[in-house]
């Protein structure tokens, strides 16, 4: 049965999951805002090209480091959105949820820093 929790409890699990992320990846979170939403908006879904009926667990919005200009800074802060309901729907225990949040954040940070799938696999996130 999927797990369901209030916002405060979910936020505490997010914080714990982030602590478990290896420093090599976690260090980049200093410059990224993490926001929890119940589900992605219709606009987010359209922008990501995700068809109705499917729902991502997370989303990176911003300018990846590999695409940054040395002279023109980004206009907005980089964001990672975590989608609480889809994450809860795929997990049956608090431990599973914590692990899935960690994996989701790592994958979104990987988009930000241009990390390869091979390196993610070496770190145990493949």
PDB file of N, CA and C in Angstrom:
ATOM      1  N   UNK A   1       0.840  -1.182   0.000  1.00  0.00           N
ATOM      2  CA  UNK A   1       0.000   0.000   0.000  1.00  0.00           C
ATOM      3  C   UNK A   1       0.888   1.249   0.000  1.00  0.00           C
ATOM      4  N   UNK A   2       0.620   2.205  -0.878  1.00  0.00           N
ATOM      5  CA  UNK A   2       1.449   3.410  -0.946  1.00  0.00           C
ATOM      6  C   UNK A   2       1.439   4.172   0.374  1.00  0.00           C
ATOM      7  N   UNK A   3       2.560   4.819   0.637  1.00  0.00           N
ATOM      8  CA  UNK A   3       2.712   5.598   1.858  1.00  0.00           C
ATOM      9  C   UNK A   3       2.095   6.982   1.647  1.00  0.00           C
ATOM     10  N   UNK A   4       1.573   7.568   2.709  1.00  0.00           N
ATOM     11  CA  UNK A   4       0.984   8.912   2.642  1.00  0.00           C
ATOM     12  C   UNK A   4       1.368   9.641   3.915  1.00  0.00           C
ATOM     13  N   UNK A   5       1.851  10.865   3.771  1.00  0.00           N
ATOM     14  CA  UNK A   5       2.243  11.631   4.963  1.00  0.00           C
ATOM     15  C   UNK A   5       1.969  13.107   4.778  1.00  0.00           C
ATOM     16  N   UNK A   6       1.999  13.825   5.893  1.00  0.00           N
ATOM     17  CA  UNK A   6       1.755  15.261   5.809  1.00  0.00           C
ATOM     18  C   UNK A   6       3.009  15.969   5.283  1.00  0.00           C
ATOM     19  N   UNK A   7       2.848  17.243   4.954  1.00  0.00           N
ATOM     20  CA  UNK A   7       3.927  18.012   4.332  1.00  0.00           C
ATOM     21  C   UNK A   7       5.159  18.099   5.225  1.00  0.00           C
ATOM     22  N   UNK A   8       4.952  18.317   6.513  1.00  0.00           N
ATOM     23  CA  UNK A   8       6.076  18.462   7.440  1.00  0.00           C
ATOM     24  C   UNK A   8       6.903  17.179   7.514  1.00  0.00           C
ATOM     25  N   UNK A   9       6.221  16.044   7.600  1.00  0.00           N
ATOM     26  CA  UNK A   9       6.923  14.764   7.659  1.00  0.00           C
ATOM     27  C   UNK A   9       7.661  14.490   6.349  1.00  0.00           C
ATOM     28  N   UNK A  10       7.016  14.806   5.234  1.00  0.00           N
ATOM     29  CA  UNK A  10       7.657  14.610   3.933  1.00  0.00           C
ATOM     30  C   UNK A  10       8.919  15.471   3.841  1.00  0.00           C
ATOM     31  N   UNK A  11       8.822  16.726   4.262  1.00  0.00           N
ATOM     32  CA  UNK A  11       9.988  17.624   4.230  1.00  0.00           C
ATOM     33  C   UNK A  11      11.138  17.088   5.071  1.00  0.00           C
ATOM     34  N   UNK A  12      10.819  16.468   6.214  1.00  0.00           N
ATOM     35  CA  UNK A  12      11.887  15.907   7.056  1.00  0.00           C
ATOM     36  C   UNK A  12      12.555  14.722   6.362  1.00  0.00           C
ATOM     37  N   UNK A  13      11.792  13.949   5.608  1.00  0.00           N
ATOM     38  CA  UNK A  13      12.373  12.836   4.857  1.00  0.00           C
ATOM     39  C   UNK A  13      13.254  13.375   3.728  1.00  0.00           C
ATOM     40  N   UNK A  14      12.824  14.447   3.090  1.00  0.00           N
ATOM     41  CA  UNK A  14      13.647  15.081   2.047  1.00  0.00           C
ATOM     42  C   UNK A  14      14.985  15.508   2.647  1.00  0.00           C
ATOM     43  N   UNK A  15      14.955  16.156   3.795  1.00  0.00           N
ATOM     44  CA  UNK A  15      16.192  16.615   4.438  1.00  0.00           C
ATOM     45  C   UNK A  15      17.112  15.439   4.763  1.00  0.00           C
ATOM     46  N   UNK A  16      16.547  14.351   5.281  1.00  0.00           N
ATOM     47  CA  UNK A  16      17.356  13.172   5.617  1.00  0.00           C
ATOM     48  C   UNK A  16      17.934  12.535   4.352  1.00  0.00           C
ATOM     49  N   UNK A  17      17.132  12.452   3.300  1.00  0.00           N
ATOM     50  CA  UNK A  17      17.603  11.866   2.038  1.00  0.00           C
ATOM     51  C   UNK A  17      18.765  12.677   1.475  1.00  0.00           C
ATOM     52  N   UNK A  18      18.684  13.993   1.566  1.00  0.00           N
ATOM     53  CA  UNK A  18      19.748  14.854   1.047  1.00  0.00           C
ATOM     54  C   UNK A  18      21.044  14.635   1.823  1.00  0.00           C
ATOM     55  N   UNK A  19      20.942  14.416   3.127  1.00  0.00           N
ATOM     56  CA  UNK A  19      22.135  14.141   3.935  1.00  0.00           C
ATOM     57  C   UNK A  19      22.861  12.881   3.481  1.00  0.00           C
ATOM     58  N   UNK A  20      22.126  11.928   2.898  1.00  0.00           N
ATOM     59  CA  UNK A  20      22.716  10.662   2.460  1.00  0.00           C
ATOM     60  C   UNK A  20      23.429  10.758   1.112  1.00  0.00           C
ATOM     61  N   UNK A  21      23.240  11.841   0.403  1.00  0.00           N
ATOM     62  CA  UNK A  21      23.838  11.996  -0.928  1.00  0.00           C
ATOM     63  C   UNK A  21      25.341  12.233  -0.769  1.00  0.00           C
ATOM     64  N   UNK A  22      26.163  11.547  -1.566  1.00  0.00           N
ATOM     65  CA  UNK A  22      27.617  11.756  -1.475  1.00  0.00           C
ATOM     66  C   UNK A  22      27.987  13.229  -1.688  1.00  0.00           C
ATOM     67  N   UNK A  23      29.020  13.671  -0.972  1.00  0.00           N
ATOM     68  CA  UNK A  23      29.447  15.067  -1.038  1.00  0.00           C
ATOM     69  C   UNK A  23      29.727  15.511  -2.471  1.00  0.00           C
ATOM     70  N   UNK A  24      30.295  14.625  -3.284  1.00  0.00           N
ATOM     71  CA  UNK A  24      30.613  14.951  -4.688  1.00  0.00           C
ATOM     72  C   UNK A  24      29.406  15.546  -5.414  1.00  0.00           C
ATOM     73  N   UNK A  25      28.227  15.102  -5.046  1.00  0.00           N
ATOM     74  CA  UNK A  25      26.990  15.594  -5.666  1.00  0.00           C
ATOM     75  C   UNK A  25      26.325  16.643  -4.771  1.00  0.00           C
ATOM     76  N   UNK A  26      26.266  16.375  -3.480  1.00  0.00           N
ATOM     77  CA  UNK A  26      25.567  17.252  -2.540  1.00  0.00           C
ATOM     78  C   UNK A  26      26.127  18.673  -2.526  1.00  0.00           C
ATOM     79  N   UNK A  27      27.420  18.831  -2.805  1.00  0.00           N
ATOM     80  CA  UNK A  27      28.025  20.164  -2.770  1.00  0.00           C
ATOM     81  C   UNK A  27      27.356  21.139  -3.739  1.00  0.00           C
ATOM     82  N   UNK A  28      26.763  20.626  -4.799  1.00  0.00           N
ATOM     83  CA  UNK A  28      26.111  21.490  -5.785  1.00  0.00           C
ATOM     84  C   UNK A  28      24.749  22.000  -5.318  1.00  0.00           C
ATOM     85  N   UNK A  29      24.207  21.408  -4.281  1.00  0.00           N
ATOM     86  CA  UNK A  29      22.904  21.828  -3.783  1.00  0.00           C
ATOM     87  C   UNK A  29      22.947  23.196  -3.115  1.00  0.00           C
ATOM     88  N   UNK A  30      24.141  23.687  -2.798  1.00  0.00           N
ATOM     89  CA  UNK A  30      24.261  25.017  -2.199  1.00  0.00           C
ATOM     90  C   UNK A  30      23.714  26.104  -3.119  1.00  0.00           C
ATOM     91  N   UNK A  31      23.703  25.861  -4.409  1.00  0.00           N
ATOM     92  CA  UNK A  31      23.271  26.856  -5.383  1.00  0.00           C
ATOM     93  C   UNK A  31      21.941  26.509  -6.044  1.00  0.00           C
ATOM     94  N   UNK A  32      21.221  25.551  -5.474  1.00  0.00           N
ATOM     95  CA  UNK A  32      19.956  25.100  -6.057  1.00  0.00           C
ATOM     96  C   UNK A  32      18.865  25.165  -4.989  1.00  0.00           C
ATOM     97  N   UNK A  33      17.720  25.665  -5.363  1.00  0.00           N
ATOM     98  CA  UNK A  33      16.559  25.677  -4.474  1.00  0.00           C
ATOM     99  C   UNK A  33      15.793  24.370  -4.681  1.00  0.00           C
ATOM    100  N   UNK A  34      15.472  23.686  -3.591  1.00  0.00           N
ATOM    101  CA  UNK A  34      14.661  22.469  -3.689  1.00  0.00           C
ATOM    102  C   UNK A  34      13.263  22.810  -3.201  1.00  0.00           C
ATOM    103  N   UNK A  35      12.285  22.530  -4.045  1.00  0.00           N
ATOM    104  CA  UNK A  35      10.894  22.841  -3.739  1.00  0.00           C
ATOM    105  C   UNK A  35      10.053  21.571  -3.879  1.00  0.00           C
ATOM    106  N   UNK A  36       9.173  21.353  -2.915  1.00  0.00           N
ATOM    107  CA  UNK A  36       8.270  20.203  -2.969  1.00  0.00           C
ATOM    108  C   UNK A  36       6.903  20.681  -3.429  1.00  0.00           C
ATOM    109  N   UNK A  37       6.372  20.001  -4.432  1.00  0.00           N
ATOM    110  CA  UNK A  37       5.012  20.259  -4.915  1.00  0.00           C
ATOM    111  C   UNK A  37       4.260  18.938  -4.852  1.00  0.00           C
ATOM    112  N   UNK A  38       2.956  19.022  -4.736  1.00  0.00           N
ATOM    113  CA  UNK A  38       2.158  17.792  -4.726  1.00  0.00           C
ATOM    114  C   UNK A  38       2.325  17.040  -6.046  1.00  0.00           C
ATOM    115  N   UNK A  39       2.168  17.759  -7.147  1.00  0.00           N
ATOM    116  CA  UNK A  39       2.301  17.206  -8.499  1.00  0.00           C
ATOM    117  C   UNK A  39       2.784  18.321  -9.414  1.00  0.00           C
ATOM    118  N   UNK A  40       3.337  17.964 -10.578  1.00  0.00           N
ATOM    119  CA  UNK A  40       3.727  19.018 -11.522  1.00  0.00           C
ATOM    120  C   UNK A  40       2.491  19.699 -12.107  1.00  0.00           C
ATOM    121  N   UNK A  41       2.640  20.954 -12.432  1.00  0.00           N
ATOM    122  CA  UNK A  41       1.542  21.688 -13.061  1.00  0.00           C
ATOM    123  C   UNK A  41       1.368  21.224 -14.505  1.00  0.00           C
ATOM    124  N   UNK A  42       0.253  21.573 -15.084  1.00  0.00           N
ATOM    125  CA  UNK A  42       0.017  21.239 -16.509  1.00  0.00           C
ATOM    126  C   UNK A  42       1.085  21.870 -17.381  1.00  0.00           C
ATOM    127  N   UNK A  43       1.471  23.114 -17.050  1.00  0.00           N
ATOM    128  CA  UNK A  43       2.505  23.804 -17.818  1.00  0.00           C
ATOM    129  C   UNK A  43       3.830  23.050 -17.736  1.00  0.00           C
ATOM    130  N   UNK A  44       4.214  22.602 -16.555  1.00  0.00           N
ATOM    131  CA  UNK A  44       5.442  21.817 -16.412  1.00  0.00           C
ATOM    132  C   UNK A  44       5.375  20.556 -17.263  1.00  0.00           C
ATOM    133  N   UNK A  45       4.231  19.890 -17.223  1.00  0.00           N
ATOM    134  CA  UNK A  45       4.066  18.656 -17.993  1.00  0.00           C
ATOM    135  C   UNK A  45       4.227  18.925 -19.492  1.00  0.00           C
ATOM    136  N   UNK A  46       3.626  20.012 -19.967  1.00  0.00           N
ATOM    137  CA  UNK A  46       3.757  20.367 -21.388  1.00  0.00           C
ATOM    138  C   UNK A  46       5.200  20.697 -21.738  1.00  0.00           C
ATOM    139  N   UNK A  47       5.845  21.497 -20.896  1.00  0.00           N
ATOM    140  CA  UNK A  47       7.240  21.887 -21.152  1.00  0.00           C
ATOM    141  C   UNK A  47       8.175  20.688 -21.180  1.00  0.00           C
ATOM    142  N   UNK A  48       7.892  19.675 -20.358  1.00  0.00           N
ATOM    143  CA  UNK A  48       8.716  18.470 -20.323  1.00  0.00           C
ATOM    144  C   UNK A  48       8.326  17.477 -21.418  1.00  0.00           C
ATOM    145  N   UNK A  49       7.194  17.724 -22.073  1.00  0.00           N
ATOM    146  CA  UNK A  49       6.741  16.808 -23.110  1.00  0.00           C
ATOM    147  C   UNK A  49       6.237  15.488 -22.553  1.00  0.00           C
ATOM    148  N   UNK A  50       5.689  15.510 -21.359  1.00  0.00           N
ATOM    149  CA  UNK A  50       5.194  14.288 -20.722  1.00  0.00           C
ATOM    150  C   UNK A  50       3.701  14.170 -20.982  1.00  0.00           C
ATOM    151  N   UNK A  51       3.277  13.038 -21.528  1.00  0.00           N
ATOM    152  CA  UNK A  51       1.861  12.859 -21.842  1.00  0.00           C
ATOM    153  C   UNK A  51       0.999  12.712 -20.595  1.00  0.00           C
ATOM    154  N   UNK A  52      -0.302  13.041 -20.702  1.00  0.00           N
ATOM    155  CA  UNK A  52      -1.224  12.843 -19.572  1.00  0.00           C
ATOM    156  C   UNK A  52      -1.190  11.383 -19.117  1.00  0.00           C
ATOM    157  N   UNK A  53      -1.323  11.187 -17.823  1.00  0.00           N
ATOM    158  CA  UNK A  53      -1.299   9.828 -17.285  1.00  0.00           C
ATOM    159  C   UNK A  53       0.068   9.433 -16.743  1.00  0.00           C
ATOM    160  N   UNK A  54       1.113  10.109 -17.179  1.00  0.00           N
ATOM    161  CA  UNK A  54       2.455   9.860 -16.652  1.00  0.00           C
ATOM    162  C   UNK A  54       2.808  11.008 -15.731  1.00  0.00           C
ATOM    163  N   UNK A  55       3.664  10.731 -14.756  1.00  0.00           N
ATOM    164  CA  UNK A  55       4.034  11.797 -13.832  1.00  0.00           C
ATOM    165  C   UNK A  55       5.476  11.600 -13.377  1.00  0.00           C
ATOM    166  N   UNK A  56       6.319  12.618 -13.556  1.00  0.00           N
ATOM    167  CA  UNK A  56       7.706  12.510 -13.100  1.00  0.00           C
ATOM    168  C   UNK A  56       7.790  12.599 -11.575  1.00  0.00           C
ATOM    169  N   UNK A  57       8.908  12.153 -11.045  1.00  0.00           N
ATOM    170  CA  UNK A  57       9.148  12.233  -9.607  1.00  0.00           C
ATOM    171  C   UNK A  57       9.831  13.546  -9.234  1.00  0.00           C
ATOM    172  N   UNK A  58      10.571  14.092 -10.191  1.00  0.00           N
ATOM    173  CA  UNK A  58      11.298  15.327  -9.955  1.00  0.00           C
ATOM    174  C   UNK A  58      11.581  16.034 -11.257  1.00  0.00           C
ATOM    175  N   UNK A  59      12.062  17.260 -11.130  1.00  0.00           N
ATOM    176  CA  UNK A  59      12.348  18.084 -12.309  1.00  0.00           C
ATOM    177  C   UNK A  59      13.426  19.092 -11.958  1.00  0.00           C
ATOM    178  N   UNK A  60      14.430  19.220 -12.822  1.00  0.00           N
ATOM    179  CA  UNK A  60      15.409  20.292 -12.708  1.00  0.00           C
ATOM    180  C   UNK A  60      14.991  21.390 -13.661  1.00  0.00           C
ATOM    181  N   UNK A  61      14.904  22.620 -13.162  1.00  0.00           N
ATOM    182  CA  UNK A  61      14.648  23.782 -14.009  1.00  0.00           C
ATOM    183  C   UNK A  61      15.758  24.784 -13.773  1.00  0.00           C
ATOM    184  N   UNK A  62      16.424  25.137 -14.822  1.00  0.00           N
ATOM    185  CA  UNK A  62      17.515  26.093 -14.710  1.00  0.00           C
ATOM    186  C   UNK A  62      18.461  25.945 -15.871  1.00  0.00           C
ATOM    187  N   UNK A  63      19.642  26.478 -15.703  1.00  0.00           N
ATOM    188  CA  UNK A  63      20.669  26.420 -16.737  1.00  0.00           C
ATOM    189  C   UNK A  63      21.764  25.478 -16.256  1.00  0.00           C
ATOM    190  N   UNK A  64      21.946  24.337 -16.932  1.00  0.00           N
ATOM    191  CA  UNK A  64      23.012  23.418 -16.523  1.00  0.00           C
ATOM    192  C   UNK A  64      24.375  24.109 -16.567  1.00  0.00           C
ATOM    193  N   UNK A  65      25.268  23.682 -15.701  1.00  0.00           N
ATOM    194  CA  UNK A  65      26.604  24.273 -15.659  1.00  0.00           C
ATOM    195  C   UNK A  65      27.311  24.187 -17.007  1.00  0.00           C
ATOM    196  N   UNK A  66      27.044  23.130 -17.746  1.00  0.00           N
ATOM    197  CA  UNK A  66      27.694  22.930 -19.049  1.00  0.00           C
ATOM    198  C   UNK A  66      27.202  23.913 -20.107  1.00  0.00           C
ATOM    199  N   UNK A  67      26.099  24.623 -19.831  1.00  0.00           N
ATOM    200  CA  UNK A  67      25.542  25.568 -20.799  1.00  0.00           C
ATOM    201  C   UNK A  67      25.631  27.019 -20.319  1.00  0.00           C
ATOM    202  N   UNK A  68      26.311  27.259 -19.233  1.00  0.00           N
ATOM    203  CA  UNK A  68      26.391  28.599 -18.663  1.00  0.00           C
ATOM    204  C   UNK A  68      27.351  29.474 -19.444  1.00  0.00           C
ATOM    205  N   UNK A  69      27.033  30.740 -19.468  1.00  0.00           N
ATOM    206  CA  UNK A  69      27.903  31.747 -20.052  1.00  0.00           C
ATOM    207  C   UNK A  69      28.763  32.336 -18.940  1.00  0.00           C
ATOM    208  N   UNK A  70      30.009  32.596 -19.248  1.00  0.00           N
ATOM    209  CA  UNK A  70      30.900  33.198 -18.256  1.00  0.00           C
ATOM    210  C   UNK A  70      30.569  34.666 -18.027  1.00  0.00           C
ATOM    211  N   UNK A  71      29.877  35.282 -18.972  1.00  0.00           N
ATOM    212  CA  UNK A  71      29.608  36.718 -18.873  1.00  0.00           C
ATOM    213  C   UNK A  71      28.157  37.064 -18.565  1.00  0.00           C
ATOM    214  N   UNK A  72      27.237  36.135 -18.816  1.00  0.00           N
ATOM    215  CA  UNK A  72      25.823  36.422 -18.584  1.00  0.00           C
ATOM    216  C   UNK A  72      25.281  35.430 -17.552  1.00  0.00           C
ATOM    217  N   UNK A  73      24.995  35.893 -16.341  1.00  0.00           N
ATOM    218  CA  UNK A  73      24.465  34.980 -15.323  1.00  0.00           C
ATOM    219  C   UNK A  73      23.011  34.614 -15.622  1.00  0.00           C
ATOM    220  N   UNK A  74      22.543  33.481 -15.094  1.00  0.00           N
ATOM    221  CA  UNK A  74      21.136  33.103 -15.284  1.00  0.00           C
ATOM    222  C   UNK A  74      20.215  34.144 -14.646  1.00  0.00           C
ATOM    223  N   UNK A  75      19.027  34.299 -15.224  1.00  0.00           N
ATOM    224  CA  UNK A  75      18.061  35.267 -14.714  1.00  0.00           C
ATOM    225  C   UNK A  75      17.340  34.783 -13.461  1.00  0.00           C
ATOM    226  N   UNK A  76      17.197  33.477 -13.315  1.00  0.00           N
ATOM    227  CA  UNK A  76      16.437  32.895 -12.213  1.00  0.00           C
ATOM    228  C   UNK A  76      17.289  31.862 -11.492  1.00  0.00           C
ATOM    229  N   UNK A  77      16.961  31.576 -10.237  1.00  0.00           N
ATOM    230  CA  UNK A  77      17.720  30.531  -9.534  1.00  0.00           C
ATOM    231  C   UNK A  77      17.414  29.156 -10.124  1.00  0.00           C
ATOM    232  N   UNK A  78      18.382  28.270 -10.032  1.00  0.00           N
ATOM    233  CA  UNK A  78      18.171  26.890 -10.453  1.00  0.00           C
ATOM    234  C   UNK A  78      17.293  26.209  -9.412  1.00  0.00           C
ATOM    235  N   UNK A  79      16.384  25.354  -9.886  1.00  0.00           N
ATOM    236  CA  UNK A  79      15.400  24.710  -9.009  1.00  0.00           C
ATOM    237  C   UNK A  79      15.377  23.204  -9.253  1.00  0.00           C
ATOM    238  N   UNK A  80      15.167  22.491  -8.186  1.00  0.00           N
ATOM    239  CA  UNK A  80      14.792  21.079  -8.286  1.00  0.00           C
ATOM    240  C   UNK A  80      13.429  20.972  -7.628  1.00  0.00           C
ATOM    241  N   UNK A  81      12.463  20.467  -8.393  1.00  0.00           N
ATOM    242  CA  UNK A  81      11.132  20.210  -7.856  1.00  0.00           C
ATOM    243  C   UNK A  81      11.025  18.731  -7.549  1.00  0.00           C
ATOM    244  N   UNK A  82      10.535  18.411  -6.373  1.00  0.00           N
ATOM    245  CA  UNK A  82      10.192  17.042  -6.006  1.00  0.00           C
ATOM    246  C   UNK A  82       8.677  16.969  -5.937  1.00  0.00           C
ATOM    247  N   UNK A  83       8.116  15.919  -6.515  1.00  0.00           N
ATOM    248  CA  UNK A  83       6.668  15.781  -6.574  1.00  0.00           C
ATOM    249  C   UNK A  83       6.224  14.724  -5.564  1.00  0.00           C
ATOM    250  N   UNK A  84       5.636  15.202  -4.480  1.00  0.00           N
ATOM    251  CA  UNK A  84       5.333  14.379  -3.315  1.00  0.00           C
ATOM    252  C   UNK A  84       4.402  13.216  -3.628  1.00  0.00           C
ATOM    253  N   UNK A  85       3.273  13.466  -4.257  1.00  0.00           N
ATOM    254  CA  UNK A  85       2.298  12.385  -4.461  1.00  0.00           C
ATOM    255  C   UNK A  85       2.840  11.257  -5.340  1.00  0.00           C
ATOM    256  N   UNK A  86       3.488  11.541  -6.477  1.00  0.00           N
ATOM    257  CA  UNK A  86       4.044  10.429  -7.257  1.00  0.00           C
ATOM    258  C   UNK A  86       5.114   9.646  -6.490  1.00  0.00           C
ATOM    259  N   UNK A  87       5.930  10.350  -5.699  1.00  0.00           N
ATOM    260  CA  UNK A  87       6.939   9.656  -4.892  1.00  0.00           C
ATOM    261  C   UNK A  87       6.263   8.756  -3.860  1.00  0.00           C
ATOM    262  N   UNK A  88       5.236   9.266  -3.193  1.00  0.00           N
ATOM    263  CA  UNK A  88       4.523   8.460  -2.199  1.00  0.00           C
ATOM    264  C   UNK A  88       3.839   7.259  -2.846  1.00  0.00           C
ATOM    265  N   UNK A  89       3.272   7.460  -4.028  1.00  0.00           N
ATOM    266  CA  UNK A  89       2.522   6.388  -4.705  1.00  0.00           C
ATOM    267  C   UNK A  89       3.395   5.204  -5.063  1.00  0.00           C
ATOM    268  N   UNK A  90       4.695   5.423  -5.251  1.00  0.00           N
ATOM    269  CA  UNK A  90       5.551   4.304  -5.653  1.00  0.00           C
ATOM    270  C   UNK A  90       6.262   3.639  -4.471  1.00  0.00           C
ATOM    271  N   UNK A  91       6.023   4.139  -3.261  1.00  0.00           N
ATOM    272  CA  UNK A  91       6.719   3.615  -2.086  1.00  0.00           C
ATOM    273  C   UNK A  91       5.736   3.078  -1.041  1.00  0.00           C
ATOM    274  N   UNK A  92       6.157   2.010  -0.384  1.00  0.00           N
ATOM    275  CA  UNK A  92       5.323   1.399   0.652  1.00  0.00           C
ATOM    276  C   UNK A  92       5.815   1.680   2.061  1.00  0.00           C
ATOM    277  N   UNK A  93       7.079   2.110   2.190  1.00  0.00           N
ATOM    278  CA  UNK A  93       7.639   2.373   3.520  1.00  0.00           C
ATOM    279  C   UNK A  93       8.369   3.710   3.507  1.00  0.00           C
ATOM    280  N   UNK A  94       8.598   4.218   4.696  1.00  0.00           N
ATOM    281  CA  UNK A  94       9.355   5.460   4.862  1.00  0.00           C
ATOM    282  C   UNK A  94      10.769   5.304   4.290  1.00  0.00           C
ATOM    283  N   UNK A  95      11.386   4.139   4.500  1.00  0.00           N
ATOM    284  CA  UNK A  95      12.737   3.879   4.013  1.00  0.00           C
ATOM    285  C   UNK A  95      12.778   3.895   2.485  1.00  0.00           C
ATOM    286  N   UNK A  96      11.788   3.265   1.850  1.00  0.00           N
ATOM    287  CA  UNK A  96      11.719   3.290   0.381  1.00  0.00           C
ATOM    288  C   UNK A  96      11.561   4.722  -0.120  1.00  0.00           C
ATOM    289  N   UNK A  97      10.730   5.489   0.553  1.00  0.00           N
ATOM    290  CA  UNK A  97      10.497   6.872   0.152  1.00  0.00           C
ATOM    291  C   UNK A  97      11.781   7.690   0.275  1.00  0.00           C
ATOM    292  N   UNK A  98      12.490   7.524   1.371  1.00  0.00           N
ATOM    293  CA  UNK A  98      13.752   8.240   1.564  1.00  0.00           C
ATOM    294  C   UNK A  98      14.744   7.894   0.455  1.00  0.00           C
ATOM    295  N   UNK A  99      14.837   6.605   0.129  1.00  0.00           N
ATOM    296  CA  UNK A  99      15.751   6.165  -0.928  1.00  0.00           C
ATOM    297  C   UNK A  99      15.342   6.738  -2.285  1.00  0.00           C
ATOM    298  N   UNK A 100      14.063   6.731  -2.581  1.00  0.00           N
ATOM    299  CA  UNK A 100      13.585   7.236  -3.872  1.00  0.00           C
ATOM    300  C   UNK A 100      13.796   8.744  -3.992  1.00  0.00           C
ATOM    301  N   UNK A 101      13.610   9.470  -2.897  1.00  0.00           N
ATOM    302  CA  UNK A 101      13.874  10.913  -2.913  1.00  0.00           C
ATOM    303  C   UNK A 101      15.359  11.162  -3.168  1.00  0.00           C
ATOM    304  N   UNK A 102      16.210  10.414  -2.496  1.00  0.00           N
ATOM    305  CA  UNK A 102      17.661  10.554  -2.702  1.00  0.00           C
ATOM    306  C   UNK A 102      18.020  10.318  -4.167  1.00  0.00           C
ATOM    307  N   UNK A 103      17.517   9.241  -4.735  1.00  0.00           N
ATOM    308  CA  UNK A 103      17.802   8.918  -6.138  1.00  0.00           C
ATOM    309  C   UNK A 103      17.300  10.028  -7.056  1.00  0.00           C
ATOM    310  N   UNK A 104      16.107  10.530  -6.782  1.00  0.00           N
ATOM    311  CA  UNK A 104      15.520  11.584  -7.615  1.00  0.00           C
ATOM    312  C   UNK A 104      16.351  12.856  -7.555  1.00  0.00           C
ATOM    313  N   UNK A 105      16.747  13.276  -6.359  1.00  0.00           N
ATOM    314  CA  UNK A 105      17.562  14.489  -6.223  1.00  0.00           C
ATOM    315  C   UNK A 105      18.896  14.305  -6.933  1.00  0.00           C
ATOM    316  N   UNK A 106      19.524  13.158  -6.754  1.00  0.00           N
ATOM    317  CA  UNK A 106      20.812  12.904  -7.411  1.00  0.00           C
ATOM    318  C   UNK A 106      20.674  13.008  -8.926  1.00  0.00           C
ATOM    319  N   UNK A 107      19.639  12.426  -9.474  1.00  0.00           N
ATOM    320  CA  UNK A 107      19.457  12.484 -10.935  1.00  0.00           C
ATOM    321  C   UNK A 107      19.219  13.915 -11.406  1.00  0.00           C
ATOM    322  N   UNK A 108      18.483  14.689 -10.641  1.00  0.00           N
ATOM    323  CA  UNK A 108      18.240  16.078 -11.042  1.00  0.00           C
ATOM    324  C   UNK A 108      19.516  16.910 -10.929  1.00  0.00           C
ATOM    325  N   UNK A 109      20.318  16.693  -9.890  1.00  0.00           N
ATOM    326  CA  UNK A 109      21.604  17.390  -9.775  1.00  0.00           C
ATOM    327  C   UNK A 109      22.519  16.974 -10.926  1.00  0.00           C
ATOM    328  N   UNK A 110      22.465  15.700 -11.301  1.00  0.00           N
ATOM    329  CA  UNK A 110      23.281  15.226 -12.422  1.00  0.00           C
ATOM    330  C   UNK A 110      22.950  16.002 -13.695  1.00  0.00           C
ATOM    331  N   UNK A 111      21.671  16.323 -13.908  1.00  0.00           N
ATOM    332  CA  UNK A 111      21.300  17.142 -15.072  1.00  0.00           C
ATOM    333  C   UNK A 111      21.957  18.515 -14.967  1.00  0.00           C
ATOM    334  N   UNK A 112      22.005  19.060 -13.783  1.00  0.00           N
ATOM    335  CA  UNK A 112      22.565  20.384 -13.541  1.00  0.00           C
ATOM    336  C   UNK A 112      24.070  20.426 -13.817  1.00  0.00           C
ATOM    337  N   UNK A 113      24.801  19.398 -13.371  1.00  0.00           N
ATOM    338  CA  UNK A 113      26.260  19.441 -13.480  1.00  0.00           C
ATOM    339  C   UNK A 113      26.806  18.701 -14.696  1.00  0.00           C
ATOM    340  N   UNK A 114      25.932  18.058 -15.457  1.00  0.00           N
ATOM    341  CA  UNK A 114      26.390  17.346 -16.650  1.00  0.00           C
ATOM    342  C   UNK A 114      27.090  16.036 -16.331  1.00  0.00           C
ATOM    343  N   UNK A 115      26.725  15.398 -15.230  1.00  0.00           N
ATOM    344  CA  UNK A 115      27.321  14.123 -14.847  1.00  0.00           C
ATOM    345  C   UNK A 115      26.858  13.022 -15.795  1.00  0.00           C
ATOM    346  N   UNK A 116      27.762  12.136 -16.130  1.00  0.00           N
ATOM    347  CA  UNK A 116      27.432  11.047 -17.045  1.00  0.00           C
ATOM    348  C   UNK A 116      26.675   9.936 -16.323  1.00  0.00           C
ATOM    349  N   UNK A 117      25.942   9.166 -17.087  1.00  0.00           N
ATOM    350  CA  UNK A 117      25.248   7.998 -16.532  1.00  0.00           C
ATOM    351  C   UNK A 117      26.250   7.005 -15.952  1.00  0.00           C
ATOM    352  N   UNK A 118      27.426   6.906 -16.570  1.00  0.00           N
ATOM    353  CA  UNK A 118      28.452   5.991 -16.078  1.00  0.00           C
ATOM    354  C   UNK A 118      28.892   6.382 -14.666  1.00  0.00           C
ATOM    355  N   UNK A 119      29.087   7.688 -14.439  1.00  0.00           N
ATOM    356  CA  UNK A 119      29.506   8.145 -13.109  1.00  0.00           C
ATOM    357  C   UNK A 119      28.392   7.917 -12.091  1.00  0.00           C
ATOM    358  N   UNK A 120      27.152   8.150 -12.512  1.00  0.00           N
ATOM    359  CA  UNK A 120      26.018   7.869 -11.619  1.00  0.00           C
ATOM    360  C   UNK A 120      26.014   6.393 -11.215  1.00  0.00           C
ATOM    361  N   UNK A 121      26.278   5.515 -12.184  1.00  0.00           N
ATOM    362  CA  UNK A 121      26.322   4.076 -11.884  1.00  0.00           C
ATOM    363  C   UNK A 121      27.450   3.757 -10.909  1.00  0.00           C
ATOM    364  N   UNK A 122      28.629   4.401 -11.109  1.00  0.00           N
ATOM    365  CA  UNK A 122      29.748   4.173 -10.201  1.00  0.00           C
ATOM    366  C   UNK A 122      29.377   4.575  -8.772  1.00  0.00           C
ATOM    367  N   UNK A 123      28.553   5.606  -8.630  1.00  0.00           N
ATOM    368  CA  UNK A 123      28.134   6.076  -7.308  1.00  0.00           C
ATOM    369  C   UNK A 123      26.941   5.292  -6.762  1.00  0.00           C
ATOM    370  N   UNK A 124      26.438   4.336  -7.560  1.00  0.00           N
ATOM    371  CA  UNK A 124      25.335   3.497  -7.114  1.00  0.00           C
ATOM    372  C   UNK A 124      23.953   4.035  -7.445  1.00  0.00           C
ATOM    373  N   UNK A 125      23.868   4.955  -8.409  1.00  0.00           N
ATOM    374  CA  UNK A 125      22.582   5.567  -8.780  1.00  0.00           C
ATOM    375  C   UNK A 125      22.178   5.242 -10.212  1.00  0.00           C
ATOM    376  N   UNK A 126      22.731   4.218 -10.804  1.00  0.00           N
ATOM    377  CA  UNK A 126      22.457   3.913 -12.208  1.00  0.00           C
ATOM    378  C   UNK A 126      21.165   3.217 -12.457  1.00  0.00           C
TER     379      UNK A 126
END
